[in-house]
Amino acid sequence: EVQLVESGGALVQAGGSLRLSCATSGFSYDDYAVGWFRQAPGKEREGVACISSGHGDTYYADSVKGRFTISRDKAKNTVYLQMNRLKPEDTAVYYCEYNGVRGQGTQVTVSS
C-alpha cells in the first residue's frame, strides 16, 4: 500500500526557511516521480516541485524556482522540500503525491 506522510509545516516570518519532509512507503522511487503540491484557501491546487524517477531530475514552478529545492533520500524513504526566502503567498497546505496518491498535507503559514 502506497503511503505518504508530510511533516515540517509551521508558522514562519517572511524571508525565513522551512524544510518539509514526506515519509513514504509501499513504492520505489525508481517507478514514478514524486511531487510536491500546495493549495491555499480559495485557490486551485498548484504543482510546486517534482523529482523524477530514476535519475531524480528536478522541476519547479516558476513561482518557487531559485527558492525551493526538492530532494530525496532513498535510504530513509523520504522526499524533502527545502523552502528558502519564504513569502506570504507561499502560505498553503503542502502535499506530496505519488502516482495519484497523496498524504494528508502539512500547513505552511508565512507572516508578513
PDB file of N, CA and C in Angstrom:
ATOM      1  N   GLU A   1       0.835  -1.188   0.000  1.00  0.00           N
ATOM      2  CA  GLU A   1       0.000   0.000   0.000  1.00  0.00           C
ATOM      3  C   GLU A   1       0.879   1.251   0.000  1.00  0.00           C
ATOM      4  N   VAL A   2       0.588   2.137  -0.912  1.00  0.00           N
ATOM      5  CA  VAL A   2       1.336   3.394  -1.003  1.00  0.00           C
ATOM      6  C   VAL A   2       0.882   4.337   0.106  1.00  0.00           C
ATOM      7  N   GLN A   3       1.840   4.855   0.853  1.00  0.00           N
ATOM      8  CA  GLN A   3       1.537   5.821   1.914  1.00  0.00           C
ATOM      9  C   GLN A   3       2.538   6.963   1.867  1.00  0.00           C
ATOM     10  N   LEU A   4       2.042   8.164   2.128  1.00  0.00           N
ATOM     11  CA  LEU A   4       2.894   9.353   2.194  1.00  0.00           C
ATOM     12  C   LEU A   4       2.450  10.168   3.404  1.00  0.00           C
ATOM     13  N   VAL A   5       3.398  10.598   4.204  1.00  0.00           N
ATOM     14  CA  VAL A   5       3.097  11.371   5.408  1.00  0.00           C
ATOM     15  C   VAL A   5       3.984  12.605   5.424  1.00  0.00           C
ATOM     16  N   GLU A   6       3.352  13.763   5.309  1.00  0.00           N
ATOM     17  CA  GLU A   6       4.087  15.021   5.301  1.00  0.00           C
ATOM     18  C   GLU A   6       4.278  15.556   6.725  1.00  0.00           C
ATOM     19  N   SER A   7       5.348  16.293   6.903  1.00  0.00           N
ATOM     20  CA  SER A   7       5.605  16.961   8.168  1.00  0.00           C
ATOM     21  C   SER A   7       6.507  18.151   7.916  1.00  0.00           C
ATOM     22  N   GLY A   8       6.629  18.996   8.939  1.00  0.00           N
ATOM     23  CA  GLY A   8       7.550  20.119   8.856  1.00  0.00           C
ATOM     24  C   GLY A   8       6.906  21.470   8.650  1.00  0.00           C
ATOM     25  N   GLY A   9       5.608  21.495   8.423  1.00  0.00           N
ATOM     26  CA  GLY A   9       4.940  22.778   8.256  1.00  0.00           C
ATOM     27  C   GLY A   9       4.930  23.561   9.553  1.00  0.00           C
ATOM     28  N   ALA A  10       4.893  24.884   9.423  1.00  0.00           N
ATOM     29  CA  ALA A  10       4.938  25.746  10.607  1.00  0.00           C
ATOM     30  C   ALA A  10       4.553  27.163  10.215  1.00  0.00           C
ATOM     31  N   LEU A  11       4.490  28.016  11.235  1.00  0.00           N
ATOM     32  CA  LEU A  11       4.329  29.448  11.033  1.00  0.00           C
ATOM     33  C   LEU A  11       5.728  30.063  11.006  1.00  0.00           C
ATOM     34  N   VAL A  12       6.009  30.822   9.959  1.00  0.00           N
ATOM     35  CA  VAL A  12       7.343  31.410   9.819  1.00  0.00           C
ATOM     36  C   VAL A  12       7.210  32.821   9.259  1.00  0.00           C
ATOM     37  N   GLN A  13       8.149  33.669   9.582  1.00  0.00           N
ATOM     38  CA  GLN A  13       8.127  35.027   9.049  1.00  0.00           C
ATOM     39  C   GLN A  13       8.629  35.058   7.621  1.00  0.00           C
ATOM     40  N   ALA A  14       8.162  36.034   6.891  1.00  0.00           N
ATOM     41  CA  ALA A  14       8.642  36.215   5.517  1.00  0.00           C
ATOM     42  C   ALA A  14      10.162  36.322   5.510  1.00  0.00           C
ATOM     43  N   GLY A  15      10.756  35.669   4.531  1.00  0.00           N
ATOM     44  CA  GLY A  15      12.208  35.630   4.436  1.00  0.00           C
ATOM     45  C   GLY A  15      12.832  34.428   5.118  1.00  0.00           C
ATOM     46  N   GLY A  16      12.034  33.719   5.896  1.00  0.00           N
ATOM     47  CA  GLY A  16      12.533  32.563   6.620  1.00  0.00           C
ATOM     48  C   GLY A  16      12.576  31.304   5.768  1.00  0.00           C
ATOM     49  N   SER A  17      12.935  30.207   6.416  1.00  0.00           N
ATOM     50  CA  SER A  17      13.095  28.920   5.730  1.00  0.00           C
ATOM     51  C   SER A  17      12.370  27.816   6.490  1.00  0.00           C
ATOM     52  N   LEU A  18      11.962  26.815   5.746  1.00  0.00           N
ATOM     53  CA  LEU A  18      11.398  25.592   6.311  1.00  0.00           C
ATOM     54  C   LEU A  18      11.844  24.422   5.457  1.00  0.00           C
ATOM     55  N   ARG A  19      11.914  23.260   6.073  1.00  0.00           N
ATOM     56  CA  ARG A  19      12.129  22.036   5.301  1.00  0.00           C
ATOM     57  C   ARG A  19      10.973  21.088   5.576  1.00  0.00           C
ATOM     58  N   LEU A  20      10.247  20.762   4.532  1.00  0.00           N
ATOM     59  CA  LEU A  20       9.169  19.791   4.625  1.00  0.00           C
ATOM     60  C   LEU A  20       9.708  18.397   4.317  1.00  0.00           C
ATOM     61  N   SER A  21       9.141  17.414   4.998  1.00  0.00           N
ATOM     62  CA  SER A  21       9.509  16.024   4.760  1.00  0.00           C
ATOM     63  C   SER A  21       8.279  15.241   4.334  1.00  0.00           C
ATOM     64  N   CYS A  22       8.496  14.272   3.480  1.00  0.00           N
ATOM     65  CA  CYS A  22       7.439  13.363   3.042  1.00  0.00           C
ATOM     66  C   CYS A  22       7.965  11.942   3.225  1.00  0.00           C
ATOM     67  N   ALA A  23       7.530  11.304   4.290  1.00  0.00           N
ATOM     68  CA  ALA A  23       7.926   9.922   4.544  1.00  0.00           C
ATOM     69  C   ALA A  23       7.057   9.004   3.703  1.00  0.00           C
ATOM     70  N   THR A  24       7.701   8.138   2.957  1.00  0.00           N
ATOM     71  CA  THR A  24       6.960   7.311   2.008  1.00  0.00           C
ATOM     72  C   THR A  24       7.147   5.834   2.286  1.00  0.00           C
ATOM     73  N   SER A  25       6.192   5.038   1.815  1.00  0.00           N
ATOM     74  CA  SER A  25       6.307   3.585   1.915  1.00  0.00           C
ATOM     75  C   SER A  25       5.429   2.959   0.845  1.00  0.00           C
ATOM     76  N   GLY A  26       5.751   1.730   0.487  1.00  0.00           N
ATOM     77  CA  GLY A  26       4.918   0.977  -0.437  1.00  0.00           C
ATOM     78  C   GLY A  26       5.228   1.141  -1.902  1.00  0.00           C
ATOM     79  N   PHE A  27       6.331   1.857  -2.213  1.00  0.00           N
ATOM     80  CA  PHE A  27       6.678   2.016  -3.617  1.00  0.00           C
ATOM     81  C   PHE A  27       8.159   2.325  -3.749  1.00  0.00           C
ATOM     82  N   SER A  28       8.622   2.292  -4.992  1.00  0.00           N
ATOM     83  CA  SER A  28      10.023   2.586  -5.277  1.00  0.00           C
ATOM     84  C   SER A  28      10.135   3.917  -6.006  1.00  0.00           C
ATOM     85  N   TYR A  29      11.139   4.697  -5.652  1.00  0.00           N
ATOM     86  CA  TYR A  29      11.381   5.956  -6.351  1.00  0.00           C
ATOM     87  C   TYR A  29      11.821   5.731  -7.799  1.00  0.00           C
ATOM     88  N   ASP A  30      12.149   4.509  -8.124  1.00  0.00           N
ATOM     89  CA  ASP A  30      12.547   4.201  -9.493  1.00  0.00           C
ATOM     90  C   ASP A  30      11.348   4.009 -10.417  1.00  0.00           C
ATOM     91  N   ASP A  31      10.145   3.935  -9.866  1.00  0.00           N
ATOM     92  CA  ASP A  31       8.961   3.644 -10.676  1.00  0.00           C
ATOM     93  C   ASP A  31       8.244   4.903 -11.173  1.00  0.00           C
ATOM     94  N   TYR A  32       8.029   5.858 -10.293  1.00  0.00           N
ATOM     95  CA  TYR A  32       7.303   7.074 -10.660  1.00  0.00           C
ATOM     96  C   TYR A  32       7.929   8.278  -9.969  1.00  0.00           C
ATOM     97  N   ALA A  33       7.607   9.431 -10.501  1.00  0.00           N
ATOM     98  CA  ALA A  33       8.057  10.671  -9.884  1.00  0.00           C
ATOM     99  C   ALA A  33       7.274  10.945  -8.603  1.00  0.00           C
ATOM    100  N   VAL A  34       7.857  11.781  -7.749  1.00  0.00           N
ATOM    101  CA  VAL A  34       7.169  12.267  -6.562  1.00  0.00           C
ATOM    102  C   VAL A  34       7.104  13.787  -6.665  1.00  0.00           C
ATOM    103  N   GLY A  35       5.957  14.324  -6.377  1.00  0.00           N
ATOM    104  CA  GLY A  35       5.787  15.772  -6.489  1.00  0.00           C
ATOM    105  C   GLY A  35       5.275  16.396  -5.213  1.00  0.00           C
ATOM    106  N   TRP A  36       5.599  17.671  -5.059  1.00  0.00           N
ATOM    107  CA  TRP A  36       5.014  18.487  -4.003  1.00  0.00           C
ATOM    108  C   TRP A  36       4.002  19.438  -4.644  1.00  0.00           C
ATOM    109  N   PHE A  37       2.835  19.524  -4.029  1.00  0.00           N
ATOM    110  CA  PHE A  37       1.778  20.419  -4.468  1.00  0.00           C
ATOM    111  C   PHE A  37       1.364  21.278  -3.293  1.00  0.00           C
ATOM    112  N   ARG A  38       0.659  22.361  -3.566  1.00  0.00           N
ATOM    113  CA  ARG A  38       0.127  23.175  -2.485  1.00  0.00           C
ATOM    114  C   ARG A  38      -1.240  23.707  -2.873  1.00  0.00           C
ATOM    115  N   GLN A  39      -2.028  23.985  -1.857  1.00  0.00           N
ATOM    116  CA  GLN A  39      -3.336  24.571  -2.094  1.00  0.00           C
ATOM    117  C   GLN A  39      -3.640  25.573  -0.997  1.00  0.00           C
ATOM    118  N   ALA A  40      -3.889  26.788  -1.412  1.00  0.00           N
ATOM    119  CA  ALA A  40      -4.269  27.843  -0.497  1.00  0.00           C
ATOM    120  C   ALA A  40      -5.784  27.997  -0.520  1.00  0.00           C
ATOM    121  N   PRO A  41      -6.382  28.525   0.551  1.00  0.00           N
ATOM    122  CA  PRO A  41      -7.836  28.699   0.590  1.00  0.00           C
ATOM    123  C   PRO A  41      -8.334  29.523  -0.598  1.00  0.00           C
ATOM    124  N   GLY A  42      -9.327  28.988  -1.279  1.00  0.00           N
ATOM    125  CA  GLY A  42      -9.916  29.703  -2.398  1.00  0.00           C
ATOM    126  C   GLY A  42      -9.125  29.663  -3.677  1.00  0.00           C
ATOM    127  N   LYS A  43      -8.030  28.923  -3.672  1.00  0.00           N
ATOM    128  CA  LYS A  43      -7.194  28.839  -4.875  1.00  0.00           C
ATOM    129  C   LYS A  43      -7.107  27.403  -5.359  1.00  0.00           C
ATOM    130  N   GLU A  44      -6.751  27.266  -6.625  1.00  0.00           N
ATOM    131  CA  GLU A  44      -6.581  25.930  -7.194  1.00  0.00           C
ATOM    132  C   GLU A  44      -5.275  25.307  -6.706  1.00  0.00           C
ATOM    133  N   ARG A  45      -5.250  24.007  -6.761  1.00  0.00           N
ATOM    134  CA  ARG A  45      -4.023  23.293  -6.404  1.00  0.00           C
ATOM    135  C   ARG A  45      -2.915  23.633  -7.395  1.00  0.00           C
ATOM    136  N   GLU A  46      -1.736  23.816  -6.870  1.00  0.00           N
ATOM    137  CA  GLU A  46      -0.593  24.219  -7.695  1.00  0.00           C
ATOM    138  C   GLU A  46       0.541  23.230  -7.526  1.00  0.00           C
ATOM    139  N   GLY A  47       1.086  22.788  -8.628  1.00  0.00           N
ATOM    140  CA  GLY A  47       2.279  21.963  -8.574  1.00  0.00           C
ATOM    141  C   GLY A  47       3.480  22.824  -8.228  1.00  0.00           C
ATOM    142  N   VAL A  48       4.265  22.415  -7.243  1.00  0.00           N
ATOM    143  CA  VAL A  48       5.379  23.219  -6.759  1.00  0.00           C
ATOM    144  C   VAL A  48       6.714  22.679  -7.271  1.00  0.00           C
ATOM    145  N   ALA A  49       6.929  21.384  -7.092  1.00  0.00           N
ATOM    146  CA  ALA A  49       8.205  20.785  -7.475  1.00  0.00           C
ATOM    147  C   ALA A  49       7.992  19.303  -7.700  1.00  0.00           C
ATOM    148  N   CYS A  50       8.892  18.731  -8.484  1.00  0.00           N
ATOM    149  CA  CYS A  50       8.772  17.321  -8.821  1.00  0.00           C
ATOM    150  C   CYS A  50      10.173  16.748  -8.965  1.00  0.00           C
ATOM    151  N   ILE A  51      10.330  15.508  -8.537  1.00  0.00           N
ATOM    152  CA  ILE A  51      11.594  14.807  -8.727  1.00  0.00           C
ATOM    153  C   ILE A  51      11.289  13.526  -9.475  1.00  0.00           C
ATOM    154  N   SER A  52      11.953  13.333 -10.586  1.00  0.00           N
ATOM    155  CA  SER A  52      11.620  12.226 -11.466  1.00  0.00           C
ATOM    156  C   SER A  52      12.090  10.901 -10.898  1.00  0.00           C
ATOM    157  N   SER A  53      11.545   9.834 -11.455  1.00  0.00           N
ATOM    158  CA  SER A  53      12.032   8.509 -11.117  1.00  0.00           C
ATOM    159  C   SER A  53      13.432   8.332 -11.696  1.00  0.00           C
ATOM    160  N   GLY A  54      14.105   7.295 -11.286  1.00  0.00           N
ATOM    161  CA  GLY A  54      15.424   7.032 -11.827  1.00  0.00           C
ATOM    162  C   GLY A  54      16.449   8.067 -11.414  1.00  0.00           C
ATOM    163  N   HIS A  55      16.888   8.870 -12.364  1.00  0.00           N
ATOM    164  CA  HIS A  55      17.973   9.812 -12.103  1.00  0.00           C
ATOM    165  C   HIS A  55      17.611  10.926 -11.140  1.00  0.00           C
ATOM    166  N   GLY A  56      16.360  11.147 -10.936  1.00  0.00           N
ATOM    167  CA  GLY A  56      15.963  12.186  -9.999  1.00  0.00           C
ATOM    168  C   GLY A  56      16.092  13.586 -10.550  1.00  0.00           C
ATOM    169  N   ASP A  57      15.760  13.782 -11.804  1.00  0.00           N
ATOM    170  CA  ASP A  57      15.738  15.142 -12.351  1.00  0.00           C
ATOM    171  C   ASP A  57      14.671  15.944 -11.618  1.00  0.00           C
ATOM    172  N   THR A  58      14.934  17.216 -11.440  1.00  0.00           N
ATOM    173  CA  THR A  58      14.022  18.067 -10.672  1.00  0.00           C
ATOM    174  C   THR A  58      13.396  19.149 -11.536  1.00  0.00           C
ATOM    175  N   TYR A  59      12.187  19.517 -11.184  1.00  0.00           N
ATOM    176  CA  TYR A  59      11.420  20.521 -11.915  1.00  0.00           C
ATOM    177  C   TYR A  59      10.701  21.397 -10.896  1.00  0.00           C
ATOM    178  N   TYR A  60      10.555  22.684 -11.244  1.00  0.00           N
ATOM    179  CA  TYR A  60       9.972  23.634 -10.307  1.00  0.00           C
ATOM    180  C   TYR A  60       8.988  24.556 -11.004  1.00  0.00           C
ATOM    181  N   ALA A  61       7.979  24.963 -10.243  1.00  0.00           N
ATOM    182  CA  ALA A  61       7.103  26.019 -10.726  1.00  0.00           C
ATOM    183  C   ALA A  61       7.893  27.326 -10.772  1.00  0.00           C
ATOM    184  N   ASP A  62       7.545  28.183 -11.700  1.00  0.00           N
ATOM    185  CA  ASP A  62       8.247  29.462 -11.819  1.00  0.00           C
ATOM    186  C   ASP A  62       8.162  30.260 -10.521  1.00  0.00           C
ATOM    187  N   SER A  63       7.076  30.105  -9.799  1.00  0.00           N
ATOM    188  CA  SER A  63       6.857  30.897  -8.587  1.00  0.00           C
ATOM    189  C   SER A  63       7.817  30.532  -7.459  1.00  0.00           C
ATOM    190  N   VAL A  64       8.450  29.362  -7.547  1.00  0.00           N
ATOM    191  CA  VAL A  64       9.349  28.933  -6.460  1.00  0.00           C
ATOM    192  C   VAL A  64      10.761  28.676  -6.947  1.00  0.00           C
ATOM    193  N   LYS A  65      10.981  28.772  -8.235  1.00  0.00           N
ATOM    194  CA  LYS A  65      12.304  28.463  -8.796  1.00  0.00           C
ATOM    195  C   LYS A  65      13.356  29.374  -8.182  1.00  0.00           C
ATOM    196  N   GLY A  66      14.445  28.779  -7.738  1.00  0.00           N
ATOM    197  CA  GLY A  66      15.517  29.539  -7.106  1.00  0.00           C
ATOM    198  C   GLY A  66      15.360  29.675  -5.603  1.00  0.00           C
ATOM    199  N   ARG A  67      14.182  29.344  -5.090  1.00  0.00           N
ATOM    200  CA  ARG A  67      13.946  29.440  -3.635  1.00  0.00           C
ATOM    201  C   ARG A  67      13.709  28.070  -2.994  1.00  0.00           C
ATOM    202  N   PHE A  68      13.076  27.170  -3.732  1.00  0.00           N
ATOM    203  CA  PHE A  68      12.746  25.844  -3.206  1.00  0.00           C
ATOM    204  C   PHE A  68      13.638  24.794  -3.853  1.00  0.00           C
ATOM    205  N   THR A  69      13.928  23.738  -3.095  1.00  0.00           N
ATOM    206  CA  THR A  69      14.710  22.620  -3.604  1.00  0.00           C
ATOM    207  C   THR A  69      14.075  21.314  -3.173  1.00  0.00           C
ATOM    208  N   ILE A  70      13.794  20.454  -4.139  1.00  0.00           N
ATOM    209  CA  ILE A  70      13.267  19.119  -3.844  1.00  0.00           C
ATOM    210  C   ILE A  70      14.411  18.122  -3.895  1.00  0.00           C
ATOM    211  N   SER A  71      14.391  17.175  -2.974  1.00  0.00           N
ATOM    212  CA  SER A  71      15.421  16.137  -2.947  1.00  0.00           C
ATOM    213  C   SER A  71      14.815  14.872  -2.366  1.00  0.00           C
ATOM    214  N   ARG A  72      15.566  13.808  -2.445  1.00  0.00           N
ATOM    215  CA  ARG A  72      15.075  12.550  -1.885  1.00  0.00           C
ATOM    216  C   ARG A  72      16.233  11.791  -1.259  1.00  0.00           C
ATOM    217  N   ASP A  73      15.905  10.997  -0.259  1.00  0.00           N
ATOM    218  CA  ASP A  73      16.870  10.121   0.402  1.00  0.00           C
ATOM    219  C   ASP A  73      16.291   8.714   0.322  1.00  0.00           C
ATOM    220  N   LYS A  74      16.810   7.925  -0.586  1.00  0.00           N
ATOM    221  CA  LYS A  74      16.263   6.585  -0.782  1.00  0.00           C
ATOM    222  C   LYS A  74      16.427   5.726   0.456  1.00  0.00           C
ATOM    223  N   ALA A  75      17.536   5.878   1.157  1.00  0.00           N
ATOM    224  CA  ALA A  75      17.784   5.065   2.354  1.00  0.00           C
ATOM    225  C   ALA A  75      16.758   5.351   3.445  1.00  0.00           C
ATOM    226  N   LYS A  76      16.278   6.607   3.495  1.00  0.00           N
ATOM    227  CA  LYS A  76      15.306   6.990   4.511  1.00  0.00           C
ATOM    228  C   LYS A  76      13.882   6.989   3.970  1.00  0.00           C
ATOM    229  N   ASN A  77      13.715   6.661   2.691  1.00  0.00           N
ATOM    230  CA  ASN A  77      12.381   6.673   2.064  1.00  0.00           C
ATOM    231  C   ASN A  77      11.671   8.000   2.311  1.00  0.00           C
ATOM    232  N   THR A  78      12.400   9.066   2.088  1.00  0.00           N
ATOM    233  CA  THR A  78      11.860  10.385   2.374  1.00  0.00           C
ATOM    234  C   THR A  78      12.187  11.354   1.241  1.00  0.00           C
ATOM    235  N   VAL A  79      11.212  12.158   0.912  1.00  0.00           N
ATOM    236  CA  VAL A  79      11.384  13.241  -0.055  1.00  0.00           C
ATOM    237  C   VAL A  79      11.267  14.559   0.710  1.00  0.00           C
ATOM    238  N   TYR A  80      12.142  15.485   0.401  1.00  0.00           N
ATOM    239  CA  TYR A  80      12.188  16.758   1.117  1.00  0.00           C
ATOM    240  C   TYR A  80      11.845  17.919   0.184  1.00  0.00           C
ATOM    241  N   LEU A  81      11.375  18.976   0.808  1.00  0.00           N
ATOM    242  CA  LEU A  81      11.208  20.244   0.100  1.00  0.00           C
ATOM    243  C   LEU A  81      11.808  21.327   0.983  1.00  0.00           C
ATOM    244  N   GLN A  82      12.992  21.787   0.592  1.00  0.00           N
ATOM    245  CA  GLN A  82      13.646  22.882   1.287  1.00  0.00           C
ATOM    246  C   GLN A  82      13.100  24.184   0.725  1.00  0.00           C
ATOM    247  N   MET A  83      12.557  25.014   1.590  1.00  0.00           N
ATOM    248  CA  MET A  83      11.940  26.262   1.158  1.00  0.00           C
ATOM    249  C   MET A  83      12.663  27.433   1.807  1.00  0.00           C
ATOM    250  N   ASN A  84      13.276  28.265   0.995  1.00  0.00           N
ATOM    251  CA  ASN A  84      14.017  29.433   1.475  1.00  0.00           C
ATOM    252  C   ASN A  84      13.348  30.713   0.984  1.00  0.00           C
ATOM    253  N   ARG A  85      13.693  31.805   1.641  1.00  0.00           N
ATOM    254  CA  ARG A  85      13.156  33.127   1.259  1.00  0.00           C
ATOM    255  C   ARG A  85      11.651  33.070   1.079  1.00  0.00           C
ATOM    256  N   LEU A  86      10.985  32.538   2.086  1.00  0.00           N
ATOM    257  CA  LEU A  86       9.545  32.354   2.012  1.00  0.00           C
ATOM    258  C   LEU A  86       8.810  33.683   1.943  1.00  0.00           C
ATOM    259  N   LYS A  87       7.689  33.649   1.232  1.00  0.00           N
ATOM    260  CA  LYS A  87       6.858  34.830   1.034  1.00  0.00           C
ATOM    261  C   LYS A  87       5.451  34.546   1.556  1.00  0.00           C
ATOM    262  N   PRO A  88       4.701  35.570   1.906  1.00  0.00           N
ATOM    263  CA  PRO A  88       3.319  35.334   2.366  1.00  0.00           C
ATOM    264  C   PRO A  88       2.490  34.540   1.347  1.00  0.00           C
ATOM    265  N   GLU A  89       2.753  34.721   0.070  1.00  0.00           N
ATOM    266  CA  GLU A  89       1.993  33.998  -0.947  1.00  0.00           C
ATOM    267  C   GLU A  89       2.354  32.516  -1.016  1.00  0.00           C
ATOM    268  N   ASP A  90       3.349  32.084  -0.259  1.00  0.00           N
ATOM    269  CA  ASP A  90       3.658  30.656  -0.157  1.00  0.00           C
ATOM    270  C   ASP A  90       2.764  29.961   0.861  1.00  0.00           C
ATOM    271  N   THR A  91       1.958  30.723   1.584  1.00  0.00           N
ATOM    272  CA  THR A  91       1.057  30.141   2.577  1.00  0.00           C
ATOM    273  C   THR A  91       0.067  29.192   1.909  1.00  0.00           C
ATOM    274  N   ALA A  92       0.028  27.957   2.394  1.00  0.00           N
ATOM    275  CA  ALA A  92      -0.833  26.931   1.802  1.00  0.00           C
ATOM    276  C   ALA A  92      -0.670  25.636   2.591  1.00  0.00           C
ATOM    277  N   VAL A  93      -1.529  24.682   2.280  1.00  0.00           N
ATOM    278  CA  VAL A  93      -1.297  23.308   2.727  1.00  0.00           C
ATOM    279  C   VAL A  93      -0.467  22.635   1.646  1.00  0.00           C
ATOM    280  N   TYR A  94       0.623  22.025   2.053  1.00  0.00           N
ATOM    281  CA  TYR A  94       1.543  21.368   1.122  1.00  0.00           C
ATOM    282  C   TYR A  94       1.354  19.848   1.201  1.00  0.00           C
ATOM    283  N   TYR A  95       1.269  19.240   0.022  1.00  0.00           N
ATOM    284  CA  TYR A  95       1.071  17.804  -0.087  1.00  0.00           C
ATOM    285  C   TYR A  95       2.183  17.205  -0.936  1.00  0.00           C
ATOM    286  N   CYS A  96       2.562  15.984  -0.623  1.00  0.00           N
ATOM    287  CA  CYS A  96       3.373  15.235  -1.574  1.00  0.00           C
ATOM    288  C   CYS A  96       2.470  14.179  -2.205  1.00  0.00           C
ATOM    289  N   GLU A  97       2.829  13.818  -3.409  1.00  0.00           N
ATOM    290  CA  GLU A  97       1.959  12.934  -4.182  1.00  0.00           C
ATOM    291  C   GLU A  97       2.786  11.984  -5.020  1.00  0.00           C
ATOM    292  N   TYR A  98       2.285  10.759  -5.104  1.00  0.00           N
ATOM    293  CA  TYR A  98       2.947   9.720  -5.899  1.00  0.00           C
ATOM    294  C   TYR A  98       1.870   8.967  -6.651  1.00  0.00           C
ATOM    295  N   ASN A  99       1.932   9.028  -7.963  1.00  0.00           N
ATOM    296  CA  ASN A  99       1.040   8.237  -8.816  1.00  0.00           C
ATOM    297  C   ASN A  99      -0.419   8.386  -8.385  1.00  0.00           C
ATOM    298  N   GLY A 100      -0.813   9.603  -8.093  1.00  0.00           N
ATOM    299  CA  GLY A 100      -2.198   9.885  -7.761  1.00  0.00           C
ATOM    300  C   GLY A 100      -2.562   9.716  -6.302  1.00  0.00           C
ATOM    301  N   VAL A 101      -1.625   9.274  -5.493  1.00  0.00           N
ATOM    302  CA  VAL A 101      -1.877   9.113  -4.061  1.00  0.00           C
ATOM    303  C   VAL A 101      -1.164  10.252  -3.324  1.00  0.00           C
ATOM    304  N   ARG A 102      -1.845  10.903  -2.415  1.00  0.00           N
ATOM    305  CA  ARG A 102      -1.221  11.990  -1.680  1.00  0.00           C
ATOM    306  C   ARG A 102      -1.422  11.817  -0.191  1.00  0.00           C
ATOM    307  N   GLY A 103      -0.575  12.529   0.559  1.00  0.00           N
ATOM    308  CA  GLY A 103      -0.691  12.473   2.007  1.00  0.00           C
ATOM    309  C   GLY A 103      -1.749  13.418   2.535  1.00  0.00           C
ATOM    310  N   GLN A 104      -1.733  13.623   3.852  1.00  0.00           N
ATOM    311  CA  GLN A 104      -2.757  14.446   4.495  1.00  0.00           C
ATOM    312  C   GLN A 104      -2.421  15.925   4.435  1.00  0.00           C
ATOM    313  N   GLY A 105      -1.177  16.225   4.122  1.00  0.00           N
ATOM    314  CA  GLY A 105      -0.763  17.616   3.981  1.00  0.00           C
ATOM    315  C   GLY A 105      -0.177  18.182   5.261  1.00  0.00           C
ATOM    316  N   THR A 106       0.564  19.275   5.101  1.00  0.00           N
ATOM    317  CA  THR A 106       1.138  19.991   6.231  1.00  0.00           C
ATOM    318  C   THR A 106       0.991  21.485   5.961  1.00  0.00           C
ATOM    319  N   GLN A 107       0.582  22.228   6.985  1.00  0.00           N
ATOM    320  CA  GLN A 107       0.269  23.646   6.822  1.00  0.00           C
ATOM    321  C   GLN A 107       1.525  24.501   6.917  1.00  0.00           C
ATOM    322  N   VAL A 108       1.707  25.342   5.933  1.00  0.00           N
ATOM    323  CA  VAL A 108       2.777  26.342   5.949  1.00  0.00           C
ATOM    324  C   VAL A 108       2.123  27.718   5.946  1.00  0.00           C
ATOM    325  N   THR A 109       2.459  28.522   6.944  1.00  0.00           N
ATOM    326  CA  THR A 109       1.931  29.875   7.039  1.00  0.00           C
ATOM    327  C   THR A 109       3.096  30.847   7.128  1.00  0.00           C
ATOM    328  N   VAL A 110       3.126  31.799   6.215  1.00  0.00           N
ATOM    329  CA  VAL A 110       4.203  32.783   6.171  1.00  0.00           C
ATOM    330  C   VAL A 110       3.606  34.143   6.508  1.00  0.00           C
ATOM    331  N   SER A 111       4.067  34.725   7.596  1.00  0.00           N
ATOM    332  CA  SER A 111       3.561  36.032   8.022  1.00  0.00           C
ATOM    333  C   SER A 111       4.416  37.141   7.429  1.00  0.00           C
ATOM    334  N   SER A 112       3.769  38.253   7.166  1.00  0.00           N
ATOM    335  CA  SER A 112       4.483  39.389   6.556  1.00  0.00           C
ATOM    336  C   SER A 112       5.070  40.308   7.611  1.00  0.00           C
TER     337      SER A 112
END
